[in-house]
Amino acid sequence: MKKRFFSGIQPTGEIHIGNYLGAIQRWVELANNPEYEGILSIVDYHAMTMPYEAKELTAKIKEAATMIMACGIQPHNSILFIQSHVPEHTELAWIFNCNCTMGELSRMTQFKDKSQDRGESVWAGLFTYPVLQAADILLYKAQYVPVGEDQLQHLELSRDIARRFNARFGEVFPEPQALLGEARRVLGIDGDKKMSKSLGNTISLSESSQEIWKKLSTAKTDERRKRRQDPGIPTDCNIFTSYHRYFTGKEELATIDRECRCAGIGCMDCKKILAKNMETILSPIREKYYELKKDFSAVEQFLNASALRCHSIAQETMTEVRKKIGIRW
C-alpha cells in the first residue's frame, strides 16, 4: 500500500517562486516517489474566506491548475482536482464544525494574524477555515501532509478532530502526520517580507527572463555593499539566502559566498549568475505552461478525471461517517 498524502493551494493569483519552492517542488518530488500516492487540490472554497471578485475566480483556478501541471504534477503520478467539484468536503466540514470548539479555533495563530484590528467584521469562514482544512485531509484518510512549520498548528487541529471523532463515534480517520521538508521561507524581492501576491513583491513562474531580470536588477541586497569594492556578508543578503540557495548548485554557491566576502564579485554580478540559474530551472516550466494554456483541454481532462476519482473515495468515507454519526442505517 502506498502512503497517501494530501495538500492544497489557494487560487489567489499567479503562482510565484515562493509557492514553487515552498510547496509545489515538494509535491513533485513526493509524487515521483513510488512509496507515495498524492492527492492535490486547488482549494477554491478556501479562497472565499477573504473578499474576492467572482468573475476572476474561474481564471485563477485555471491558472493554478495549468501551472501546477507545468511544474510536473501529471496524471501518471498524482490526482489534481478542484475542491468544490467534490461536495463531500463541505459536508464533512459541517460535521467537524459540530465536533470542534470555538476556543480551539480562536487560538489559531493565522486567524489572529489575519483578523487583527477587524473586530466583529471578520468573516465566519476565516474563523472556521481550519475545520474545512481538516475535512480536506481526512476525507481521503491521508496519512501525511507536506507542510511548513507555519501550518503545523492547523495540522495538529486536524489530528485533534480525528482523535475526538474516533473516540466519540468509532474508528474512521487516521491521525495525519506532517511531512516536514527543508524550511523554505522565501522573502520577496523587497527583502523585507515573505513573498506574497498581496504585497506585490513576487516573481511569477510565468514571467519572461527579461521580466525576471528587471525585478532582480533592482532587488535589495546586502546594505553594507554601497560600492563595488565593499565586501559583504552573503548570509545577510536576501538574493543569496532566498534565491541562490535554491537555484544555484553547491559548488557555485560556495564560490559566490567566498567572492562576495572579499568583493571579488559585485551585487550585479551575483544577480546575473542568479538570473542565469533561474532561467535554467524555470524556462522548461514556463514553456510547458504556455503550451498547456494554449490548449486547456489536457488540464480540464486531468481535473475532471481526478474529481471523479476523489468523489469515489469521498463517497466511501462519507457512507462510513454517516452511519457512525447516526444519520444512516
C-alpha atoms as a PDB file:
ATOM      1  CA  MET A   1       0.000   0.000   0.000  1.00  0.00           C
ATOM      2  CA  LYS A   2       1.285   3.435  -0.933  1.00  0.00           C
ATOM      3  CA  LYS A   3       1.448   6.198   1.655  1.00  0.00           C
ATOM      4  CA  ARG A   4      -1.209   8.773   0.796  1.00  0.00           C
ATOM      5  CA  PHE A   5      -0.509  12.468   1.190  1.00  0.00           C
ATOM      6  CA  PHE A   6      -2.825  15.427   0.705  1.00  0.00           C
ATOM      7  CA  SER A   7      -2.063  19.072   0.075  1.00  0.00           C
ATOM      8  CA  GLY A   8      -3.762  22.071  -1.471  1.00  0.00           C
ATOM      9  CA  ILE A   9      -3.170  25.545  -2.822  1.00  0.00           C
ATOM     10  CA  GLN A  10      -5.481  28.540  -2.998  1.00  0.00           C
ATOM     11  CA  PRO A  11      -6.229  30.026  -6.434  1.00  0.00           C
ATOM     12  CA  THR A  12      -5.498  33.603  -5.439  1.00  0.00           C
ATOM     13  CA  GLY A  13      -3.415  34.752  -8.405  1.00  0.00           C
ATOM     14  CA  GLU A  14      -0.272  33.958 -10.345  1.00  0.00           C
ATOM     15  CA  ILE A  15       1.852  31.201  -8.832  1.00  0.00           C
ATOM     16  CA  HIS A  16       5.232  32.582  -7.839  1.00  0.00           C
ATOM     17  CA  ILE A  17       8.585  31.118  -6.910  1.00  0.00           C
ATOM     18  CA  GLY A  18       7.641  31.219  -3.222  1.00  0.00           C
ATOM     19  CA  ASN A  19       4.757  28.823  -3.962  1.00  0.00           C
ATOM     20  CA  TYR A  20       7.050  26.692  -6.112  1.00  0.00           C
ATOM     21  CA  LEU A  21       9.907  26.403  -3.622  1.00  0.00           C
ATOM     22  CA  GLY A  22       7.670  26.196  -0.562  1.00  0.00           C
ATOM     23  CA  ALA A  23       5.145  23.630  -1.813  1.00  0.00           C
ATOM     24  CA  ILE A  24       4.897  22.599  -5.467  1.00  0.00           C
ATOM     25  CA  GLN A  25       8.504  21.455  -5.883  1.00  0.00           C
ATOM     26  CA  ARG A  26       7.997  19.175  -2.849  1.00  0.00           C
ATOM     27  CA  TRP A  27       4.756  17.819  -4.282  1.00  0.00           C
ATOM     28  CA  VAL A  28       6.545  16.835  -7.474  1.00  0.00           C
ATOM     29  CA  GLU A  29       9.324  15.118  -5.530  1.00  0.00           C
ATOM     30  CA  LEU A  30       6.812  13.118  -3.465  1.00  0.00           C
ATOM     31  CA  ALA A  31       4.609  12.363  -6.480  1.00  0.00           C
ATOM     32  CA  ASN A  32       7.585  10.819  -8.280  1.00  0.00           C
ATOM     33  CA  ASN A  33       8.440   8.718  -5.226  1.00  0.00           C
ATOM     34  CA  PRO A  34       6.879   5.241  -5.725  1.00  0.00           C
ATOM     35  CA  GLU A  35       6.208   4.989  -1.985  1.00  0.00           C
ATOM     36  CA  TYR A  36       3.632   7.801  -2.067  1.00  0.00           C
ATOM     37  CA  GLU A  37       0.232   8.490  -3.600  1.00  0.00           C
ATOM     38  CA  GLY A  38      -0.510  12.193  -3.976  1.00  0.00           C
ATOM     39  CA  ILE A  39      -3.935  13.842  -3.775  1.00  0.00           C
ATOM     40  CA  LEU A  40      -3.622  17.530  -4.535  1.00  0.00           C
ATOM     41  CA  SER A  41      -6.343  20.135  -4.602  1.00  0.00           C
ATOM     42  CA  ILE A  42      -6.973  23.663  -5.794  1.00  0.00           C
ATOM     43  CA  VAL A  43      -8.903  24.743  -2.710  1.00  0.00           C
ATOM     44  CA  ASP A  44     -11.289  27.306  -4.165  1.00  0.00           C
ATOM     45  CA  TYR A  45     -13.585  27.354  -1.110  1.00  0.00           C
ATOM     46  CA  HIS A  46     -10.630  28.490   0.988  1.00  0.00           C
ATOM     47  CA  ALA A  47     -10.114  31.389  -1.399  1.00  0.00           C
ATOM     48  CA  MET A  48     -13.534  32.734  -0.353  1.00  0.00           C
ATOM     49  CA  THR A  49     -12.551  33.490   3.244  1.00  0.00           C
ATOM     50  CA  MET A  50     -11.356  36.947   2.185  1.00  0.00           C
ATOM     51  CA  PRO A  51     -13.009  39.424  -0.239  1.00  0.00           C
ATOM     52  CA  TYR A  52     -12.657  38.405  -3.898  1.00  0.00           C
ATOM     53  CA  GLU A  53     -14.120  39.125  -7.333  1.00  0.00           C
ATOM     54  CA  ALA A  54     -16.359  36.282  -8.537  1.00  0.00           C
ATOM     55  CA  LYS A  55     -15.571  36.901 -12.202  1.00  0.00           C
ATOM     56  CA  GLU A  56     -11.841  36.496 -11.524  1.00  0.00           C
ATOM     57  CA  LEU A  57     -12.035  33.239  -9.582  1.00  0.00           C
ATOM     58  CA  THR A  58     -12.529  30.985 -12.624  1.00  0.00           C
ATOM     59  CA  ALA A  59      -9.461  32.430 -14.340  1.00  0.00           C
ATOM     60  CA  LYS A  60      -7.393  31.989 -11.176  1.00  0.00           C
ATOM     61  CA  ILE A  61      -8.466  28.355 -10.795  1.00  0.00           C
ATOM     62  CA  LYS A  62      -7.454  27.629 -14.391  1.00  0.00           C
ATOM     63  CA  GLU A  63      -4.155  29.490 -13.905  1.00  0.00           C
ATOM     64  CA  ALA A  64      -3.296  27.455 -10.807  1.00  0.00           C
ATOM     65  CA  ALA A  65      -4.175  24.106 -12.409  1.00  0.00           C
ATOM     66  CA  THR A  66      -2.190  24.860 -15.555  1.00  0.00           C
ATOM     67  CA  MET A  67       0.912  25.967 -13.686  1.00  0.00           C
ATOM     68  CA  ILE A  68       0.828  23.010 -11.282  1.00  0.00           C
ATOM     69  CA  MET A  69       0.741  20.638 -14.257  1.00  0.00           C
ATOM     70  CA  ALA A  70       3.556  22.568 -15.923  1.00  0.00           C
ATOM     71  CA  CYS A  71       5.677  22.090 -12.787  1.00  0.00           C
ATOM     72  CA  GLY A  72       5.423  18.304 -13.069  1.00  0.00           C
ATOM     73  CA  ILE A  73       2.158  17.147 -11.474  1.00  0.00           C
ATOM     74  CA  GLN A  74       0.738  14.838 -14.135  1.00  0.00           C
ATOM     75  CA  PRO A  75      -1.953  12.121 -14.440  1.00  0.00           C
ATOM     76  CA  HIS A  76       0.652   9.343 -14.159  1.00  0.00           C
ATOM     77  CA  ASN A  77       1.931  10.485 -10.758  1.00  0.00           C
ATOM     78  CA  SER A  78      -0.878  12.317  -8.919  1.00  0.00           C
ATOM     79  CA  ILE A  79      -4.500  13.305  -8.543  1.00  0.00           C
ATOM     80  CA  LEU A  80      -5.198  17.014  -9.043  1.00  0.00           C
ATOM     81  CA  PHE A  81      -8.754  18.270  -8.564  1.00  0.00           C
ATOM     82  CA  ILE A  82     -10.797  21.351  -7.716  1.00  0.00           C
ATOM     83  CA  GLN A  83     -12.106  21.246  -4.151  1.00  0.00           C
ATOM     84  CA  SER A  84     -15.631  22.476  -4.966  1.00  0.00           C
ATOM     85  CA  HIS A  85     -16.078  19.678  -7.527  1.00  0.00           C
ATOM     86  CA  VAL A  86     -16.282  17.182  -4.653  1.00  0.00           C
ATOM     87  CA  PRO A  87     -19.221  18.300  -2.446  1.00  0.00           C
ATOM     88  CA  GLU A  88     -18.354  15.915   0.378  1.00  0.00           C
ATOM     89  CA  HIS A  89     -15.679  18.383   1.529  1.00  0.00           C
ATOM     90  CA  THR A  90     -18.263  20.822   2.853  1.00  0.00           C
ATOM     91  CA  GLU A  91     -20.488  18.062   4.254  1.00  0.00           C
ATOM     92  CA  LEU A  92     -17.634  16.664   6.334  1.00  0.00           C
ATOM     93  CA  ALA A  93     -16.583  20.177   7.351  1.00  0.00           C
ATOM     94  CA  TRP A  94     -20.050  20.779   8.830  1.00  0.00           C
ATOM     95  CA  ILE A  95     -19.859  17.529  10.803  1.00  0.00           C
ATOM     96  CA  PHE A  96     -16.419  18.533  12.083  1.00  0.00           C
ATOM     97  CA  ASN A  97     -17.741  22.003  12.984  1.00  0.00           C
ATOM     98  CA  CYS A  98     -20.093  20.188  15.337  1.00  0.00           C
ATOM     99  CA  ASN A  99     -17.127  18.402  16.916  1.00  0.00           C
ATOM    100  CA  CYS A 100     -14.824  21.399  17.361  1.00  0.00           C
ATOM    101  CA  THR A 101     -14.922  24.240  19.897  1.00  0.00           C
ATOM    102  CA  MET A 102     -14.734  27.984  19.355  1.00  0.00           C
ATOM    103  CA  GLY A 103     -11.909  28.059  21.876  1.00  0.00           C
ATOM    104  CA  GLU A 104      -9.764  25.803  19.689  1.00  0.00           C
ATOM    105  CA  LEU A 105     -10.386  27.921  16.602  1.00  0.00           C
ATOM    106  CA  SER A 106      -9.814  31.243  18.362  1.00  0.00           C
ATOM    107  CA  ARG A 107      -6.307  30.081  19.311  1.00  0.00           C
ATOM    108  CA  MET A 108      -5.256  29.566  15.691  1.00  0.00           C
ATOM    109  CA  THR A 109      -2.306  31.896  15.055  1.00  0.00           C
ATOM    110  CA  GLN A 110      -3.167  32.545  11.408  1.00  0.00           C
ATOM    111  CA  PHE A 111      -6.696  33.593  12.356  1.00  0.00           C
ATOM    112  CA  LYS A 112      -5.301  36.004  14.918  1.00  0.00           C
ATOM    113  CA  ASP A 113      -2.919  37.492  12.354  1.00  0.00           C
ATOM    114  CA  LYS A 114      -5.495  37.878   9.582  1.00  0.00           C
ATOM    115  CA  SER A 115      -8.300  39.149  11.831  1.00  0.00           C
ATOM    116  CA  GLN A 116      -6.199  41.683  13.713  1.00  0.00           C
ATOM    117  CA  ASP A 117      -7.904  45.096  14.043  1.00  0.00           C
ATOM    118  CA  ARG A 118     -11.050  43.884  12.240  1.00  0.00           C
ATOM    119  CA  GLY A 119     -13.182  43.291  15.328  1.00  0.00           C
ATOM    120  CA  GLU A 120     -16.543  41.659  14.650  1.00  0.00           C
ATOM    121  CA  SER A 121     -16.305  42.285  10.897  1.00  0.00           C
ATOM    122  CA  VAL A 122     -14.194  39.139  10.452  1.00  0.00           C
ATOM    123  CA  TRP A 123     -15.927  36.628   8.189  1.00  0.00           C
ATOM    124  CA  ALA A 124     -17.018  33.394   9.829  1.00  0.00           C
ATOM    125  CA  GLY A 125     -15.318  31.446   7.035  1.00  0.00           C
ATOM    126  CA  LEU A 126     -11.935  32.759   8.115  1.00  0.00           C
ATOM    127  CA  PHE A 127     -12.662  31.566  11.650  1.00  0.00           C
ATOM    128  CA  THR A 128     -13.711  28.055  10.574  1.00  0.00           C
ATOM    129  CA  TYR A 129     -11.084  27.771   7.809  1.00  0.00           C
ATOM    130  CA  PRO A 130      -9.021  25.154   9.740  1.00  0.00           C
ATOM    131  CA  VAL A 131     -12.090  22.902  10.075  1.00  0.00           C
ATOM    132  CA  LEU A 132     -12.568  22.787   6.310  1.00  0.00           C
ATOM    133  CA  GLN A 133      -8.837  22.165   6.021  1.00  0.00           C
ATOM    134  CA  ALA A 134      -9.204  19.183   8.366  1.00  0.00           C
ATOM    135  CA  ALA A 135     -12.085  17.881   6.226  1.00  0.00           C
ATOM    136  CA  ASP A 136      -9.933  18.229   3.083  1.00  0.00           C
ATOM    137  CA  ILE A 137      -7.269  15.990   4.598  1.00  0.00           C
ATOM    138  CA  LEU A 138      -9.373  13.462   6.481  1.00  0.00           C
ATOM    139  CA  LEU A 139     -11.962  12.933   3.738  1.00  0.00           C
ATOM    140  CA  TYR A 140      -9.267  10.939   1.884  1.00  0.00           C
ATOM    141  CA  LYS A 141      -7.855   9.379   5.052  1.00  0.00           C
ATOM    142  CA  ALA A 142      -4.497  10.906   4.149  1.00  0.00           C
ATOM    143  CA  GLN A 143      -1.682   9.654   6.341  1.00  0.00           C
ATOM    144  CA  TYR A 144       0.685  12.505   5.551  1.00  0.00           C
ATOM    145  CA  VAL A 145       0.553  16.218   4.806  1.00  0.00           C
ATOM    146  CA  PRO A 146       3.591  18.079   3.433  1.00  0.00           C
ATOM    147  CA  VAL A 147       3.592  21.336   5.384  1.00  0.00           C
ATOM    148  CA  GLY A 148       5.824  24.153   6.503  1.00  0.00           C
ATOM    149  CA  GLU A 149       6.218  24.989  10.171  1.00  0.00           C
ATOM    150  CA  ASP A 150       3.636  27.778   9.859  1.00  0.00           C
ATOM    151  CA  GLN A 151       0.945  25.152   9.134  1.00  0.00           C
ATOM    152  CA  LEU A 152       1.768  22.736  11.954  1.00  0.00           C
ATOM    153  CA  GLN A 153      -0.857  24.227  14.255  1.00  0.00           C
ATOM    154  CA  HIS A 154      -3.594  23.628  11.686  1.00  0.00           C
ATOM    155  CA  LEU A 155      -2.416  20.064  11.141  1.00  0.00           C
ATOM    156  CA  GLU A 156      -2.448  19.440  14.879  1.00  0.00           C
ATOM    157  CA  LEU A 157      -6.078  20.587  14.939  1.00  0.00           C
ATOM    158  CA  SER A 158      -6.826  18.049  12.180  1.00  0.00           C
ATOM    159  CA  ARG A 159      -5.264  15.371  14.347  1.00  0.00           C
ATOM    160  CA  ASP A 160      -7.317  16.504  17.358  1.00  0.00           C
ATOM    161  CA  ILE A 161     -10.530  16.425  15.311  1.00  0.00           C
ATOM    162  CA  ALA A 162      -9.757  12.919  14.011  1.00  0.00           C
ATOM    163  CA  ARG A 163      -8.935  11.690  17.507  1.00  0.00           C
ATOM    164  CA  ARG A 164     -12.111  13.197  19.007  1.00  0.00           C
ATOM    165  CA  PHE A 165     -14.348  11.835  16.237  1.00  0.00           C
ATOM    166  CA  ASN A 166     -12.875   8.344  16.568  1.00  0.00           C
ATOM    167  CA  ALA A 167     -13.296   8.380  20.348  1.00  0.00           C
ATOM    168  CA  ARG A 168     -16.912   9.557  20.108  1.00  0.00           C
ATOM    169  CA  PHE A 169     -18.228   7.559  17.157  1.00  0.00           C
ATOM    170  CA  GLY A 170     -15.723   4.780  16.464  1.00  0.00           C
ATOM    171  CA  GLU A 171     -12.548   4.443  14.432  1.00  0.00           C
ATOM    172  CA  VAL A 172     -12.731   6.080  10.990  1.00  0.00           C
ATOM    173  CA  PHE A 173      -9.866   8.500  10.466  1.00  0.00           C
ATOM    174  CA  PRO A 174      -6.074   8.179  10.739  1.00  0.00           C
ATOM    175  CA  GLU A 175      -4.186  10.940  12.532  1.00  0.00           C
ATOM    176  CA  PRO A 176      -2.241  12.586   9.687  1.00  0.00           C
ATOM    177  CA  GLN A 177       1.474  13.157  10.169  1.00  0.00           C
ATOM    178  CA  ALA A 178       3.479  16.141   8.967  1.00  0.00           C
ATOM    179  CA  LEU A 179       5.973  15.679   6.157  1.00  0.00           C
ATOM    180  CA  LEU A 180       8.355  18.473   7.033  1.00  0.00           C
ATOM    181  CA  GLY A 181      10.855  19.340   4.343  1.00  0.00           C
ATOM    182  CA  GLU A 182      13.596  21.920   4.258  1.00  0.00           C
ATOM    183  CA  ALA A 183      12.253  25.208   5.603  1.00  0.00           C
ATOM    184  CA  ARG A 184      11.872  27.413   2.537  1.00  0.00           C
ATOM    185  CA  ARG A 185      10.642  30.792   3.669  1.00  0.00           C
ATOM    186  CA  VAL A 186      11.167  32.892   0.581  1.00  0.00           C
ATOM    187  CA  LEU A 187      11.264  36.637   1.093  1.00  0.00           C
ATOM    188  CA  GLY A 188      10.029  38.928  -1.651  1.00  0.00           C
ATOM    189  CA  ILE A 189      12.290  40.994  -3.853  1.00  0.00           C
ATOM    190  CA  ASP A 190      11.967  43.801  -1.298  1.00  0.00           C
ATOM    191  CA  GLY A 191      13.934  41.608   1.126  1.00  0.00           C
ATOM    192  CA  ASP A 192      11.613  42.578   3.987  1.00  0.00           C
ATOM    193  CA  LYS A 193       8.501  40.401   3.947  1.00  0.00           C
ATOM    194  CA  LYS A 194       7.515  36.920   2.822  1.00  0.00           C
ATOM    195  CA  MET A 195       6.840  36.719  -0.903  1.00  0.00           C
ATOM    196  CA  SER A 196       3.153  37.499  -1.300  1.00  0.00           C
ATOM    197  CA  LYS A 197       0.843  38.349  -4.174  1.00  0.00           C
ATOM    198  CA  SER A 198      -0.991  40.856  -1.989  1.00  0.00           C
ATOM    199  CA  LEU A 199       2.262  42.722  -1.296  1.00  0.00           C
ATOM    200  CA  GLY A 200       3.311  42.730  -4.952  1.00  0.00           C
ATOM    201  CA  ASN A 201       6.848  41.550  -4.143  1.00  0.00           C
ATOM    202  CA  THR A 202       6.755  38.333  -6.150  1.00  0.00           C
ATOM    203  CA  ILE A 203       8.430  36.733  -9.156  1.00  0.00           C
ATOM    204  CA  SER A 204       5.842  34.747 -11.091  1.00  0.00           C
ATOM    205  CA  LEU A 205       6.722  31.408 -12.671  1.00  0.00           C
ATOM    206  CA  SER A 206       5.148  32.601 -15.917  1.00  0.00           C
ATOM    207  CA  GLU A 207       7.272  35.747 -16.246  1.00  0.00           C
ATOM    208  CA  SER A 208       9.810  36.002 -19.061  1.00  0.00           C
ATOM    209  CA  SER A 209      13.546  36.072 -18.418  1.00  0.00           C
ATOM    210  CA  GLN A 210      13.512  39.795 -19.236  1.00  0.00           C
ATOM    211  CA  GLU A 211      10.756  40.483 -16.704  1.00  0.00           C
ATOM    212  CA  ILE A 212      12.562  38.464 -14.041  1.00  0.00           C
ATOM    213  CA  TRP A 213      15.824  40.280 -14.678  1.00  0.00           C
ATOM    214  CA  LYS A 214      14.075  43.651 -14.412  1.00  0.00           C
ATOM    215  CA  LYS A 215      12.927  42.697 -10.915  1.00  0.00           C
ATOM    216  CA  LEU A 216      16.204  41.113  -9.840  1.00  0.00           C
ATOM    217  CA  SER A 217      18.280  44.069 -11.030  1.00  0.00           C
ATOM    218  CA  THR A 218      16.579  46.373  -8.514  1.00  0.00           C
ATOM    219  CA  ALA A 219      16.122  43.808  -5.732  1.00  0.00           C
ATOM    220  CA  LYS A 220      17.500  44.554  -2.284  1.00  0.00           C
ATOM    221  CA  THR A 221      20.968  43.157  -1.426  1.00  0.00           C
ATOM    222  CA  ASP A 222      23.427  43.443   1.479  1.00  0.00           C
ATOM    223  CA  GLU A 223      23.264  47.098   2.509  1.00  0.00           C
ATOM    224  CA  ARG A 224      26.941  47.030   3.520  1.00  0.00           C
ATOM    225  CA  ARG A 225      27.881  46.921  -0.165  1.00  0.00           C
ATOM    226  CA  LYS A 226      27.378  50.526  -1.128  1.00  0.00           C
ATOM    227  CA  ARG A 227      30.249  50.335  -3.657  1.00  0.00           C
ATOM    228  CA  ARG A 228      31.556  47.535  -5.882  1.00  0.00           C
ATOM    229  CA  GLN A 229      34.734  47.192  -3.801  1.00  0.00           C
ATOM    230  CA  ASP A 230      32.917  46.859  -0.472  1.00  0.00           C
ATOM    231  CA  PRO A 231      32.927  43.285   0.931  1.00  0.00           C
ATOM    232  CA  GLY A 232      29.610  41.788   2.019  1.00  0.00           C
ATOM    233  CA  ILE A 233      28.134  39.011   4.121  1.00  0.00           C
ATOM    234  CA  PRO A 234      26.082  36.700   1.857  1.00  0.00           C
ATOM    235  CA  THR A 235      24.047  35.243   4.713  1.00  0.00           C
ATOM    236  CA  ASP A 236      22.683  38.751   5.320  1.00  0.00           C
ATOM    237  CA  CYS A 237      21.678  39.167   1.681  1.00  0.00           C
ATOM    238  CA  ASN A 238      18.203  38.140   0.505  1.00  0.00           C
ATOM    239  CA  ILE A 239      19.453  37.396  -3.009  1.00  0.00           C
ATOM    240  CA  PHE A 240      21.791  34.766  -1.577  1.00  0.00           C
ATOM    241  CA  THR A 241      19.599  33.269   1.170  1.00  0.00           C
ATOM    242  CA  SER A 242      16.181  33.271  -0.540  1.00  0.00           C
ATOM    243  CA  TYR A 243      17.186  32.684  -4.165  1.00  0.00           C
ATOM    244  CA  HIS A 244      20.736  31.456  -4.822  1.00  0.00           C
ATOM    245  CA  ARG A 245      20.328  28.835  -2.113  1.00  0.00           C
ATOM    246  CA  TYR A 246      17.610  27.113  -4.139  1.00  0.00           C
ATOM    247  CA  PHE A 247      18.572  27.872  -7.738  1.00  0.00           C
ATOM    248  CA  THR A 248      22.378  27.566  -7.611  1.00  0.00           C
ATOM    249  CA  GLY A 249      24.473  24.414  -7.251  1.00  0.00           C
ATOM    250  CA  LYS A 250      26.594  23.835  -4.155  1.00  0.00           C
ATOM    251  CA  GLU A 251      29.983  24.476  -5.767  1.00  0.00           C
ATOM    252  CA  GLU A 252      28.917  27.703  -7.431  1.00  0.00           C
ATOM    253  CA  LEU A 253      27.136  28.753  -4.249  1.00  0.00           C
ATOM    254  CA  ALA A 254      30.372  28.319  -2.280  1.00  0.00           C
ATOM    255  CA  THR A 255      32.215  30.412  -4.869  1.00  0.00           C
ATOM    256  CA  ILE A 256      29.662  33.216  -4.645  1.00  0.00           C
ATOM    257  CA  ASP A 257      29.861  33.140  -0.846  1.00  0.00           C
ATOM    258  CA  ARG A 258      33.649  33.426  -0.927  1.00  0.00           C
ATOM    259  CA  GLU A 259      33.858  36.084  -3.650  1.00  0.00           C
ATOM    260  CA  CYS A 260      31.164  38.269  -2.097  1.00  0.00           C
ATOM    261  CA  ARG A 261      33.006  38.350   1.233  1.00  0.00           C
ATOM    262  CA  CYS A 262      36.194  39.640  -0.427  1.00  0.00           C
ATOM    263  CA  ALA A 263      34.444  41.849  -3.018  1.00  0.00           C
ATOM    264  CA  GLY A 264      35.657  39.563  -5.792  1.00  0.00           C
ATOM    265  CA  ILE A 265      32.230  39.921  -7.397  1.00  0.00           C
ATOM    266  CA  GLY A 266      29.714  42.728  -7.149  1.00  0.00           C
ATOM    267  CA  CYS A 267      25.996  42.578  -6.444  1.00  0.00           C
ATOM    268  CA  MET A 268      25.101  42.886 -10.130  1.00  0.00           C
ATOM    269  CA  ASP A 269      27.486  40.012 -10.959  1.00  0.00           C
ATOM    270  CA  CYS A 270      25.770  37.950  -8.283  1.00  0.00           C
ATOM    271  CA  LYS A 271      22.329  38.781  -9.702  1.00  0.00           C
ATOM    272  CA  LYS A 272      23.386  37.883 -13.249  1.00  0.00           C
ATOM    273  CA  ILE A 273      24.518  34.430 -12.097  1.00  0.00           C
ATOM    274  CA  LEU A 274      21.212  34.002 -10.303  1.00  0.00           C
ATOM    275  CA  ALA A 275      19.206  35.064 -13.369  1.00  0.00           C
ATOM    276  CA  LYS A 276      21.051  32.504 -15.493  1.00  0.00           C
ATOM    277  CA  ASN A 277      20.439  29.695 -12.997  1.00  0.00           C
ATOM    278  CA  MET A 278      16.797  30.614 -12.515  1.00  0.00           C
ATOM    279  CA  GLU A 279      16.270  30.564 -16.269  1.00  0.00           C
ATOM    280  CA  THR A 280      17.697  27.036 -16.469  1.00  0.00           C
ATOM    281  CA  ILE A 281      15.096  25.770 -13.992  1.00  0.00           C
ATOM    282  CA  LEU A 282      12.128  27.984 -14.833  1.00  0.00           C
ATOM    283  CA  SER A 283      12.222  28.102 -18.637  1.00  0.00           C
ATOM    284  CA  PRO A 284      11.004  24.471 -19.118  1.00  0.00           C
ATOM    285  CA  ILE A 285       8.157  25.150 -16.671  1.00  0.00           C
ATOM    286  CA  ARG A 286       7.259  28.377 -18.466  1.00  0.00           C
ATOM    287  CA  GLU A 287       7.292  26.675 -21.897  1.00  0.00           C
ATOM    288  CA  LYS A 288       5.068  23.842 -20.661  1.00  0.00           C
ATOM    289  CA  TYR A 289       2.716  26.345 -19.022  1.00  0.00           C
ATOM    290  CA  TYR A 290       2.136  28.309 -22.226  1.00  0.00           C
ATOM    291  CA  GLU A 291       1.744  25.074 -24.184  1.00  0.00           C
ATOM    292  CA  LEU A 292      -0.993  23.894 -21.799  1.00  0.00           C
ATOM    293  CA  LYS A 293      -2.598  27.323 -21.654  1.00  0.00           C
ATOM    294  CA  LYS A 294      -2.907  27.390 -25.441  1.00  0.00           C
ATOM    295  CA  ASP A 295      -4.984  24.198 -25.302  1.00  0.00           C
ATOM    296  CA  PHE A 296      -6.647  23.863 -21.880  1.00  0.00           C
ATOM    297  CA  SER A 297      -8.305  20.535 -22.773  1.00  0.00           C
ATOM    298  CA  ALA A 298      -5.462  18.425 -21.306  1.00  0.00           C
ATOM    299  CA  VAL A 299      -5.710  20.293 -17.998  1.00  0.00           C
ATOM    300  CA  GLU A 300      -9.500  20.024 -17.967  1.00  0.00           C
ATOM    301  CA  GLN A 301      -9.406  16.284 -18.643  1.00  0.00           C
ATOM    302  CA  PHE A 302      -6.934  15.784 -15.792  1.00  0.00           C
ATOM    303  CA  LEU A 303      -9.080  17.839 -13.388  1.00  0.00           C
ATOM    304  CA  ASN A 304     -12.308  16.065 -14.352  1.00  0.00           C
ATOM    305  CA  ALA A 305     -10.816  12.573 -14.144  1.00  0.00           C
ATOM    306  CA  SER A 306      -9.256  13.427 -10.780  1.00  0.00           C
ATOM    307  CA  ALA A 307     -12.556  14.794  -9.433  1.00  0.00           C
ATOM    308  CA  LEU A 308     -14.262  11.507 -10.343  1.00  0.00           C
ATOM    309  CA  ARG A 309     -11.580   9.503  -8.526  1.00  0.00           C
ATOM    310  CA  CYS A 310     -11.791  11.785  -5.484  1.00  0.00           C
ATOM    311  CA  HIS A 311     -15.588  11.672  -5.475  1.00  0.00           C
ATOM    312  CA  SER A 312     -15.441   7.880  -5.361  1.00  0.00           C
ATOM    313  CA  ILE A 313     -13.056   7.929  -2.365  1.00  0.00           C
ATOM    314  CA  ALA A 314     -15.091  10.672  -0.663  1.00  0.00           C
ATOM    315  CA  GLN A 315     -18.360   8.773  -1.062  1.00  0.00           C
ATOM    316  CA  GLU A 316     -16.859   5.728   0.635  1.00  0.00           C
ATOM    317  CA  THR A 317     -15.653   7.821   3.551  1.00  0.00           C
ATOM    318  CA  MET A 318     -18.947   9.685   3.928  1.00  0.00           C
ATOM    319  CA  THR A 319     -21.005   6.469   3.782  1.00  0.00           C
ATOM    320  CA  GLU A 320     -18.961   5.275   6.748  1.00  0.00           C
ATOM    321  CA  VAL A 321     -19.198   8.630   8.550  1.00  0.00           C
ATOM    322  CA  ARG A 322     -22.985   8.983   8.112  1.00  0.00           C
ATOM    323  CA  LYS A 323     -23.546   5.554   9.636  1.00  0.00           C
ATOM    324  CA  LYS A 324     -21.209   6.284  12.519  1.00  0.00           C
ATOM    325  CA  ILE A 325     -22.913   9.572  13.464  1.00  0.00           C
ATOM    326  CA  GLY A 326     -26.414   8.061  13.257  1.00  0.00           C
ATOM    327  CA  ILE A 327     -27.984   9.659  10.179  1.00  0.00           C
ATOM    328  CA  ARG A 328     -27.930   6.473   8.031  1.00  0.00           C
ATOM    329  CA  TRP A 329     -28.713   2.880   8.871  1.00  0.00           C
END
